[in-house]
Amino acid sequence: MYELNELFRKRIGIPENQKITFESLDNILRKTATSLPFENLSIISNKTSAITKESLITKMLVKNEGGLCYQLNPLLYFFLVENGFNAALVRGEVYNYAMKDFSKLGRTHVTILLQHKGQTYLVDTGFGGNLPLKPVPLNGETTSSVNGEFRVKAMESDYGDYLLEMKLKYKDTDWKIGYAFDTKRPLENLSELNEVQGIIVQHKESRFNKTPLITQLTSDGNVTLTDTSFTQWINGKSEKEQIDNIKFKELAKQHFGFQEL
């Protein structure tokens, strides 16, 4: 049985005996975002497995892979709970800007709600490059981080009772919707994660079952790799190069630590 707390700390690079406080969560979220890539390679290679606490540990802390929201956030959730936090997993529905509507996949985004001193916060390390990097209170206040500005506002809809809105640094001039989520229906058990995974893997409108994607925040921007291109954002400037399959494997190893593809 692997020790999640010990392995998680090792993966993101924090001391084994460091006490995790609410005030240190900014640092934890930054380190998690720059250590665990958001990626779908197991879906593309048809190597998904049923989600359990042990399978999440094996995938991301033993094999040092990344994952999608329904893997990354549950792993962080287990770490937070083991370190004494009052947390729950909830589901949400992502907004699709191309369609100007919420996605048709249903509630496939999985995120974390955290209780601290009578206040509820959204904590998310599984939303690609759109990560708040700090807990965002559910009271509408704006939270600023190196990645941009984020806020959560109450709004009853078919998709939940709150919205995450964001204004990403260097990319957005106006607020835009990230996703709606439902605070009233926390996940009761991990079987719901398998339901989410099933939709992401099989649905014809899923963004993640067609081509490989790996993206990860860096200290000064982010890097994104697909089967045809490699894009680096450094201090607000982007560089994009077209690549082939050989280069894809090289870059996956160099930037994200994937040894075998």
C-alpha atoms as a PDB file:
ATOM      1  CA  MET A   1       0.000   0.000   0.000  1.00  0.00           C
ATOM      2  CA  TYR A   2       1.563   3.255  -1.105  1.00  0.00           C
ATOM      3  CA  GLU A   3       1.646   6.218   1.271  1.00  0.00           C
ATOM      4  CA  LEU A   4      -0.224   9.002  -0.560  1.00  0.00           C
ATOM      5  CA  ASN A   5       0.853  11.840   1.738  1.00  0.00           C
ATOM      6  CA  GLU A   6       4.544  10.981   1.481  1.00  0.00           C
ATOM      7  CA  LEU A   7       4.499  10.379  -2.296  1.00  0.00           C
ATOM      8  CA  PHE A   8       2.465  13.515  -3.046  1.00  0.00           C
ATOM      9  CA  ARG A   9       4.922  15.666  -1.098  1.00  0.00           C
ATOM     10  CA  LYS A  10       7.824  14.074  -2.944  1.00  0.00           C
ATOM     11  CA  ARG A  11       6.174  14.611  -6.343  1.00  0.00           C
ATOM     12  CA  ILE A  12       5.526  18.331  -5.835  1.00  0.00           C
ATOM     13  CA  GLY A  13       8.712  18.964  -3.858  1.00  0.00           C
ATOM     14  CA  ILE A  14       7.747  19.872  -0.305  1.00  0.00           C
ATOM     15  CA  PRO A  15       9.287  18.536   2.933  1.00  0.00           C
ATOM     16  CA  GLU A  16       7.831  15.345   4.390  1.00  0.00           C
ATOM     17  CA  ASN A  17       7.285  16.932   7.819  1.00  0.00           C
ATOM     18  CA  GLN A  18       6.014  20.364   6.715  1.00  0.00           C
ATOM     19  CA  LYS A  19       2.663  21.231   8.294  1.00  0.00           C
ATOM     20  CA  ILE A  20       0.084  22.127   5.648  1.00  0.00           C
ATOM     21  CA  THR A  21      -1.967  25.138   6.741  1.00  0.00           C
ATOM     22  CA  PHE A  22      -4.674  27.062   4.909  1.00  0.00           C
ATOM     23  CA  GLU A  23      -2.132  29.862   4.375  1.00  0.00           C
ATOM     24  CA  SER A  24       0.281  27.435   2.684  1.00  0.00           C
ATOM     25  CA  LEU A  25      -2.291  26.234   0.135  1.00  0.00           C
ATOM     26  CA  ASP A  26      -1.204  28.877  -2.411  1.00  0.00           C
ATOM     27  CA  ASN A  27       2.250  27.291  -2.431  1.00  0.00           C
ATOM     28  CA  ILE A  28       0.790  23.754  -2.598  1.00  0.00           C
ATOM     29  CA  LEU A  29      -1.436  24.694  -5.561  1.00  0.00           C
ATOM     30  CA  ARG A  30       1.444  26.355  -7.428  1.00  0.00           C
ATOM     31  CA  LYS A  31       3.723  23.387  -6.895  1.00  0.00           C
ATOM     32  CA  THR A  32       0.999  20.906  -7.892  1.00  0.00           C
ATOM     33  CA  ALA A  33       0.228  22.862 -11.083  1.00  0.00           C
ATOM     34  CA  THR A  34       3.900  22.947 -12.115  1.00  0.00           C
ATOM     35  CA  SER A  35       4.545  19.283 -11.210  1.00  0.00           C
ATOM     36  CA  LEU A  36       1.522  17.323 -12.448  1.00  0.00           C
ATOM     37  CA  PRO A  37       0.572  17.844 -16.096  1.00  0.00           C
ATOM     38  CA  PHE A  38      -3.008  18.011 -17.333  1.00  0.00           C
ATOM     39  CA  GLU A  39      -3.002  15.222 -19.936  1.00  0.00           C
ATOM     40  CA  ASN A  40      -5.101  12.582 -21.703  1.00  0.00           C
ATOM     41  CA  LEU A  41      -2.468  10.115 -22.954  1.00  0.00           C
ATOM     42  CA  SER A  42      -3.996   7.078 -21.226  1.00  0.00           C
ATOM     43  CA  ILE A  43      -7.281   7.773 -23.045  1.00  0.00           C
ATOM     44  CA  ILE A  44      -5.574   8.142 -26.434  1.00  0.00           C
ATOM     45  CA  SER A  45      -3.550   4.948 -25.907  1.00  0.00           C
ATOM     46  CA  ASN A  46      -6.650   3.111 -24.626  1.00  0.00           C
ATOM     47  CA  LYS A  47      -5.063   2.378 -21.256  1.00  0.00           C
ATOM     48  CA  THR A  48      -7.609   3.803 -18.820  1.00  0.00           C
ATOM     49  CA  SER A  49      -8.428   1.847 -15.686  1.00  0.00           C
ATOM     50  CA  ALA A  50     -11.116   1.999 -13.023  1.00  0.00           C
ATOM     51  CA  ILE A  51     -10.549   4.901 -10.648  1.00  0.00           C
ATOM     52  CA  THR A  52      -9.672   4.012  -7.085  1.00  0.00           C
ATOM     53  CA  LYS A  53      -7.493   5.801  -4.580  1.00  0.00           C
ATOM     54  CA  GLU A  54      -4.771   3.238  -5.301  1.00  0.00           C
ATOM     55  CA  SER A  55      -5.004   3.640  -9.098  1.00  0.00           C
ATOM     56  CA  LEU A  56      -4.699   7.430  -8.769  1.00  0.00           C
ATOM     57  CA  ILE A  57      -1.605   7.048  -6.578  1.00  0.00           C
ATOM     58  CA  THR A  58      -0.060   4.561  -9.017  1.00  0.00           C
ATOM     59  CA  LYS A  59      -0.750   6.683 -12.104  1.00  0.00           C
ATOM     60  CA  MET A  60       0.351  10.075 -10.823  1.00  0.00           C
ATOM     61  CA  LEU A  61       2.694   9.440  -7.889  1.00  0.00           C
ATOM     62  CA  VAL A  62       4.398   6.154  -8.807  1.00  0.00           C
ATOM     63  CA  LYS A  63       4.452   6.304 -12.616  1.00  0.00           C
ATOM     64  CA  ASN A  64       4.715  10.126 -12.446  1.00  0.00           C
ATOM     65  CA  GLU A  65       2.056  10.719 -15.088  1.00  0.00           C
ATOM     66  CA  GLY A  66      -0.552  13.480 -14.971  1.00  0.00           C
ATOM     67  CA  GLY A  67      -4.278  13.266 -15.562  1.00  0.00           C
ATOM     68  CA  LEU A  68      -7.515  15.115 -16.228  1.00  0.00           C
ATOM     69  CA  CYS A  69      -9.731  16.889 -13.673  1.00  0.00           C
ATOM     70  CA  TYR A  70     -11.374  13.692 -12.421  1.00  0.00           C
ATOM     71  CA  GLN A  71      -7.922  12.317 -11.557  1.00  0.00           C
ATOM     72  CA  LEU A  72      -5.924  15.414 -10.528  1.00  0.00           C
ATOM     73  CA  ASN A  73      -8.501  16.930  -8.177  1.00  0.00           C
ATOM     74  CA  PRO A  74      -9.392  13.676  -6.375  1.00  0.00           C
ATOM     75  CA  LEU A  75      -5.670  13.078  -5.762  1.00  0.00           C
ATOM     76  CA  LEU A  76      -5.307  16.575  -4.285  1.00  0.00           C
ATOM     77  CA  TYR A  77      -8.535  16.043  -2.318  1.00  0.00           C
ATOM     78  CA  PHE A  78      -7.115  12.899  -0.674  1.00  0.00           C
ATOM     79  CA  PHE A  79      -3.929  14.797   0.172  1.00  0.00           C
ATOM     80  CA  LEU A  80      -5.886  17.664   1.732  1.00  0.00           C
ATOM     81  CA  VAL A  81      -8.089  15.338   3.797  1.00  0.00           C
ATOM     82  CA  GLU A  82      -5.043  13.402   5.029  1.00  0.00           C
ATOM     83  CA  ASN A  83      -3.599  16.734   6.176  1.00  0.00           C
ATOM     84  CA  GLY A  84      -6.662  17.625   8.231  1.00  0.00           C
ATOM     85  CA  PHE A  85      -8.743  19.753   5.842  1.00  0.00           C
ATOM     86  CA  ASN A  86     -12.526  19.605   5.565  1.00  0.00           C
ATOM     87  CA  ALA A  87     -13.003  19.041   1.837  1.00  0.00           C
ATOM     88  CA  ALA A  88     -15.468  17.507  -0.616  1.00  0.00           C
ATOM     89  CA  LEU A  89     -15.474  16.732  -4.333  1.00  0.00           C
ATOM     90  CA  VAL A  90     -18.233  18.221  -6.503  1.00  0.00           C
ATOM     91  CA  ARG A  91     -19.102  18.088 -10.193  1.00  0.00           C
ATOM     92  CA  GLY A  92     -19.514  20.902 -12.658  1.00  0.00           C
ATOM     93  CA  GLU A  93     -20.232  21.676 -16.281  1.00  0.00           C
ATOM     94  CA  VAL A  94     -17.663  23.460 -18.425  1.00  0.00           C
ATOM     95  CA  TYR A  95     -18.588  26.445 -20.590  1.00  0.00           C
ATOM     96  CA  ASN A  96     -17.754  26.059 -24.285  1.00  0.00           C
ATOM     97  CA  TYR A  97     -16.776  29.394 -25.805  1.00  0.00           C
ATOM     98  CA  ALA A  98     -16.895  28.194 -29.389  1.00  0.00           C
ATOM     99  CA  MET A  99     -20.524  27.132 -28.889  1.00  0.00           C
ATOM    100  CA  LYS A 100     -21.357  30.017 -26.512  1.00  0.00           C
ATOM    101  CA  ASP A 101     -23.064  27.508 -24.260  1.00  0.00           C
ATOM    102  CA  PHE A 102     -22.307  24.904 -21.633  1.00  0.00           C
ATOM    103  CA  SER A 103     -20.849  21.660 -22.945  1.00  0.00           C
ATOM    104  CA  LYS A 104     -23.266  18.902 -23.863  1.00  0.00           C
ATOM    105  CA  LEU A 105     -21.333  16.281 -21.914  1.00  0.00           C
ATOM    106  CA  GLY A 106     -23.049  16.942 -18.595  1.00  0.00           C
ATOM    107  CA  ARG A 107     -21.296  17.426 -15.284  1.00  0.00           C
ATOM    108  CA  THR A 108     -17.892  16.086 -16.259  1.00  0.00           C
ATOM    109  CA  HIS A 109     -15.733  18.603 -14.420  1.00  0.00           C
ATOM    110  CA  VAL A 110     -14.660  17.454 -10.965  1.00  0.00           C
ATOM    111  CA  THR A 111     -13.382  20.023  -8.485  1.00  0.00           C
ATOM    112  CA  ILE A 112     -12.869  20.544  -4.734  1.00  0.00           C
ATOM    113  CA  LEU A 113     -14.771  22.565  -2.128  1.00  0.00           C
ATOM    114  CA  LEU A 114     -12.930  23.388   1.077  1.00  0.00           C
ATOM    115  CA  GLN A 115     -14.365  24.639   4.375  1.00  0.00           C
ATOM    116  CA  HIS A 116     -12.216  26.979   6.456  1.00  0.00           C
ATOM    117  CA  LYS A 117     -13.330  29.163   9.372  1.00  0.00           C
ATOM    118  CA  GLY A 118     -16.977  29.223   8.274  1.00  0.00           C
ATOM    119  CA  GLN A 119     -16.147  30.092   4.659  1.00  0.00           C
ATOM    120  CA  THR A 120     -16.352  27.811   1.603  1.00  0.00           C
ATOM    121  CA  TYR A 121     -13.614  27.928  -1.027  1.00  0.00           C
ATOM    122  CA  LEU A 122     -13.202  26.457  -4.496  1.00  0.00           C
ATOM    123  CA  VAL A 123      -9.867  24.668  -4.977  1.00  0.00           C
ATOM    124  CA  ASP A 124      -8.995  23.401  -8.466  1.00  0.00           C
ATOM    125  CA  THR A 125      -5.825  21.867  -9.893  1.00  0.00           C
ATOM    126  CA  GLY A 126      -7.553  20.132 -12.824  1.00  0.00           C
ATOM    127  CA  PHE A 127      -8.670  22.848 -15.228  1.00  0.00           C
ATOM    128  CA  GLY A 128      -5.828  22.818 -17.737  1.00  0.00           C
ATOM    129  CA  GLY A 129      -4.020  26.138 -17.861  1.00  0.00           C
ATOM    130  CA  ASN A 130      -6.939  27.978 -16.245  1.00  0.00           C
ATOM    131  CA  LEU A 131      -5.948  27.363 -12.641  1.00  0.00           C
ATOM    132  CA  PRO A 132      -6.634  29.909  -9.887  1.00  0.00           C
ATOM    133  CA  LEU A 133      -3.527  28.748  -7.942  1.00  0.00           C
ATOM    134  CA  LYS A 134      -5.253  29.928  -4.755  1.00  0.00           C
ATOM    135  CA  PRO A 135      -8.457  28.950  -2.939  1.00  0.00           C
ATOM    136  CA  VAL A 136     -11.300  31.091  -4.341  1.00  0.00           C
ATOM    137  CA  PRO A 137     -14.032  32.050  -1.823  1.00  0.00           C
ATOM    138  CA  LEU A 138     -17.654  31.440  -2.809  1.00  0.00           C
ATOM    139  CA  ASN A 139     -18.645  34.961  -1.715  1.00  0.00           C
ATOM    140  CA  GLY A 140     -17.889  36.701  -5.012  1.00  0.00           C
ATOM    141  CA  GLU A 141     -14.588  38.276  -3.952  1.00  0.00           C
ATOM    142  CA  THR A 142     -11.888  38.409  -6.639  1.00  0.00           C
ATOM    143  CA  THR A 143      -8.795  36.292  -6.039  1.00  0.00           C
ATOM    144  CA  SER A 144      -5.611  37.271  -7.900  1.00  0.00           C
ATOM    145  CA  SER A 145      -2.664  35.005  -8.651  1.00  0.00           C
ATOM    146  CA  VAL A 146       0.197  34.932 -11.164  1.00  0.00           C
ATOM    147  CA  ASN A 147      -2.234  33.214 -13.530  1.00  0.00           C
ATOM    148  CA  GLY A 148      -4.913  35.927 -13.516  1.00  0.00           C
ATOM    149  CA  GLU A 149      -8.041  36.888 -11.604  1.00  0.00           C
ATOM    150  CA  PHE A 150     -10.767  34.501 -10.483  1.00  0.00           C
ATOM    151  CA  ARG A 151     -14.112  34.801  -8.724  1.00  0.00           C
ATOM    152  CA  VAL A 152     -17.050  32.576  -7.848  1.00  0.00           C
ATOM    153  CA  LYS A 153     -20.590  33.877  -7.889  1.00  0.00           C
ATOM    154  CA  ALA A 154     -23.879  32.332  -6.877  1.00  0.00           C
ATOM    155  CA  MET A 155     -26.135  31.604  -9.829  1.00  0.00           C
ATOM    156  CA  GLU A 156     -28.854  28.984  -9.919  1.00  0.00           C
ATOM    157  CA  SER A 157     -29.010  27.187 -13.270  1.00  0.00           C
ATOM    158  CA  ASP A 158     -29.525  23.757 -14.802  1.00  0.00           C
ATOM    159  CA  TYR A 159     -25.777  23.260 -14.380  1.00  0.00           C
ATOM    160  CA  GLY A 160     -25.366  24.017 -10.691  1.00  0.00           C
ATOM    161  CA  ASP A 161     -25.682  26.838  -8.156  1.00  0.00           C
ATOM    162  CA  TYR A 162     -22.341  28.664  -8.638  1.00  0.00           C
ATOM    163  CA  LEU A 163     -20.122  29.860 -11.492  1.00  0.00           C
ATOM    164  CA  LEU A 164     -16.352  30.145 -11.651  1.00  0.00           C
ATOM    165  CA  GLU A 165     -15.372  33.204 -13.688  1.00  0.00           C
ATOM    166  CA  MET A 166     -11.856  34.081 -14.759  1.00  0.00           C
ATOM    167  CA  LYS A 167      -9.746  36.713 -16.410  1.00  0.00           C
ATOM    168  CA  LEU A 168      -6.518  34.999 -17.440  1.00  0.00           C
ATOM    169  CA  LYS A 169      -3.332  37.040 -17.425  1.00  0.00           C
ATOM    170  CA  TYR A 170      -2.119  38.069 -20.906  1.00  0.00           C
ATOM    171  CA  LYS A 171      -5.178  36.402 -22.514  1.00  0.00           C
ATOM    172  CA  ASP A 172      -8.463  37.919 -21.293  1.00  0.00           C
ATOM    173  CA  THR A 173      -9.572  41.523 -21.071  1.00  0.00           C
ATOM    174  CA  ASP A 174     -13.065  40.676 -19.772  1.00  0.00           C
ATOM    175  CA  TRP A 175     -14.407  38.137 -17.319  1.00  0.00           C
ATOM    176  CA  LYS A 176     -15.395  34.816 -18.862  1.00  0.00           C
ATOM    177  CA  ILE A 177     -17.165  31.742 -17.516  1.00  0.00           C
ATOM    178  CA  GLY A 178     -15.033  28.741 -16.670  1.00  0.00           C
ATOM    179  CA  TYR A 179     -17.676  26.341 -15.432  1.00  0.00           C
ATOM    180  CA  ALA A 180     -20.799  26.007 -13.313  1.00  0.00           C
ATOM    181  CA  PHE A 181     -20.706  23.672 -10.333  1.00  0.00           C
ATOM    182  CA  ASP A 182     -23.129  22.220  -7.816  1.00  0.00           C
ATOM    183  CA  THR A 183     -22.423  22.636  -4.107  1.00  0.00           C
ATOM    184  CA  LYS A 184     -25.559  20.727  -3.118  1.00  0.00           C
ATOM    185  CA  ARG A 185     -24.434  17.404  -4.564  1.00  0.00           C
ATOM    186  CA  PRO A 186     -21.000  16.382  -3.278  1.00  0.00           C
ATOM    187  CA  LEU A 187     -19.649  13.102  -4.616  1.00  0.00           C
ATOM    188  CA  GLU A 188     -20.764  10.266  -2.372  1.00  0.00           C
ATOM    189  CA  ASN A 189     -18.132   7.827  -3.600  1.00  0.00           C
ATOM    190  CA  LEU A 190     -15.507   7.292  -6.290  1.00  0.00           C
ATOM    191  CA  SER A 191     -17.870   5.395  -8.587  1.00  0.00           C
ATOM    192  CA  GLU A 192     -19.029   8.799  -9.845  1.00  0.00           C
ATOM    193  CA  LEU A 193     -15.501   9.431 -11.096  1.00  0.00           C
ATOM    194  CA  ASN A 194     -15.751   6.300 -13.224  1.00  0.00           C
ATOM    195  CA  GLU A 195     -19.014   7.631 -14.640  1.00  0.00           C
ATOM    196  CA  VAL A 196     -17.245  10.901 -15.540  1.00  0.00           C
ATOM    197  CA  GLN A 197     -14.338   9.007 -17.066  1.00  0.00           C
ATOM    198  CA  GLY A 198     -16.739   6.912 -19.150  1.00  0.00           C
ATOM    199  CA  ILE A 199     -18.277  10.058 -20.672  1.00  0.00           C
ATOM    200  CA  ILE A 200     -14.884  11.656 -21.374  1.00  0.00           C
ATOM    201  CA  VAL A 201     -13.572   8.458 -22.984  1.00  0.00           C
ATOM    202  CA  GLN A 202     -16.644   7.572 -25.062  1.00  0.00           C
ATOM    203  CA  HIS A 203     -18.727  10.667 -25.869  1.00  0.00           C
ATOM    204  CA  LYS A 204     -18.427  11.826 -29.469  1.00  0.00           C
ATOM    205  CA  GLU A 205     -18.250  15.470 -28.371  1.00  0.00           C
ATOM    206  CA  SER A 206     -15.532  14.890 -25.779  1.00  0.00           C
ATOM    207  CA  ARG A 207     -12.463  17.071 -26.357  1.00  0.00           C
ATOM    208  CA  PHE A 208     -10.168  14.499 -24.803  1.00  0.00           C
ATOM    209  CA  ASN A 209     -10.724  11.281 -26.784  1.00  0.00           C
ATOM    210  CA  LYS A 210      -9.430  12.407 -30.186  1.00  0.00           C
ATOM    211  CA  THR A 211      -5.881  13.762 -30.049  1.00  0.00           C
ATOM    212  CA  PRO A 212      -3.181  13.823 -27.372  1.00  0.00           C
ATOM    213  CA  LEU A 213      -2.880  16.881 -25.162  1.00  0.00           C
ATOM    214  CA  ILE A 214      -0.380  17.670 -22.406  1.00  0.00           C
ATOM    215  CA  THR A 215      -0.296  21.069 -20.734  1.00  0.00           C
ATOM    216  CA  GLN A 216       1.354  22.310 -17.578  1.00  0.00           C
ATOM    217  CA  LEU A 217       1.990  25.604 -15.856  1.00  0.00           C
ATOM    218  CA  THR A 218       5.592  26.754 -15.500  1.00  0.00           C
ATOM    219  CA  SER A 219       7.176  29.356 -13.244  1.00  0.00           C
ATOM    220  CA  ASP A 220       6.755  32.011 -15.956  1.00  0.00           C
ATOM    221  CA  GLY A 221       3.864  30.775 -18.125  1.00  0.00           C
ATOM    222  CA  ASN A 222       2.853  27.392 -19.492  1.00  0.00           C
ATOM    223  CA  VAL A 223       3.697  24.748 -22.073  1.00  0.00           C
ATOM    224  CA  THR A 224       1.206  22.845 -24.241  1.00  0.00           C
ATOM    225  CA  LEU A 225       1.981  19.842 -26.425  1.00  0.00           C
ATOM    226  CA  THR A 226      -0.298  18.167 -28.973  1.00  0.00           C
ATOM    227  CA  ASP A 227       0.508  15.669 -31.711  1.00  0.00           C
ATOM    228  CA  THR A 228       0.998  18.517 -34.204  1.00  0.00           C
ATOM    229  CA  SER A 229       2.294  21.512 -32.210  1.00  0.00           C
ATOM    230  CA  PHE A 230       4.273  22.687 -29.200  1.00  0.00           C
ATOM    231  CA  THR A 231       3.407  26.048 -27.638  1.00  0.00           C
ATOM    232  CA  GLN A 232       5.326  27.861 -24.905  1.00  0.00           C
ATOM    233  CA  TRP A 233       4.020  30.925 -23.070  1.00  0.00           C
ATOM    234  CA  ILE A 234       6.829  32.812 -21.348  1.00  0.00           C
ATOM    235  CA  ASN A 235       6.000  36.077 -19.562  1.00  0.00           C
ATOM    236  CA  GLY A 236       3.004  36.717 -21.806  1.00  0.00           C
ATOM    237  CA  LYS A 237       4.688  35.928 -25.123  1.00  0.00           C
ATOM    238  CA  SER A 238       3.876  32.733 -26.986  1.00  0.00           C
ATOM    239  CA  GLU A 239       5.998  30.668 -29.356  1.00  0.00           C
ATOM    240  CA  LYS A 240       4.443  27.861 -31.358  1.00  0.00           C
ATOM    241  CA  GLU A 241       6.169  25.262 -33.526  1.00  0.00           C
ATOM    242  CA  GLN A 242       4.738  22.525 -35.713  1.00  0.00           C
ATOM    243  CA  ILE A 243       6.005  19.062 -34.816  1.00  0.00           C
ATOM    244  CA  ASP A 244       5.864  15.413 -35.922  1.00  0.00           C
ATOM    245  CA  ASN A 245       5.429  12.228 -33.887  1.00  0.00           C
ATOM    246  CA  ILE A 246       9.142  11.799 -33.164  1.00  0.00           C
ATOM    247  CA  LYS A 247       9.383  15.344 -31.850  1.00  0.00           C
ATOM    248  CA  PHE A 248       6.193  14.798 -29.817  1.00  0.00           C
ATOM    249  CA  LYS A 249       7.835  11.932 -27.926  1.00  0.00           C
ATOM    250  CA  GLU A 250      11.028  13.938 -27.370  1.00  0.00           C
ATOM    251  CA  LEU A 251       9.141  16.963 -26.018  1.00  0.00           C
ATOM    252  CA  ALA A 252       6.839  14.807 -23.840  1.00  0.00           C
ATOM    253  CA  LYS A 253       9.943  13.408 -22.162  1.00  0.00           C
ATOM    254  CA  GLN A 254      11.852  16.708 -21.979  1.00  0.00           C
ATOM    255  CA  HIS A 255       9.101  18.952 -20.623  1.00  0.00           C
ATOM    256  CA  PHE A 256       6.718  16.584 -18.842  1.00  0.00           C
ATOM    257  CA  GLY A 257       8.847  13.619 -17.814  1.00  0.00           C
ATOM    258  CA  PHE A 258       7.093  10.953 -19.896  1.00  0.00           C
ATOM    259  CA  GLN A 259       9.674   8.202 -20.354  1.00  0.00           C
ATOM    260  CA  GLU A 260       7.779   5.785 -22.587  1.00  0.00           C
ATOM    261  CA  LEU A 261       5.161   6.625 -25.207  1.00  0.00           C
END
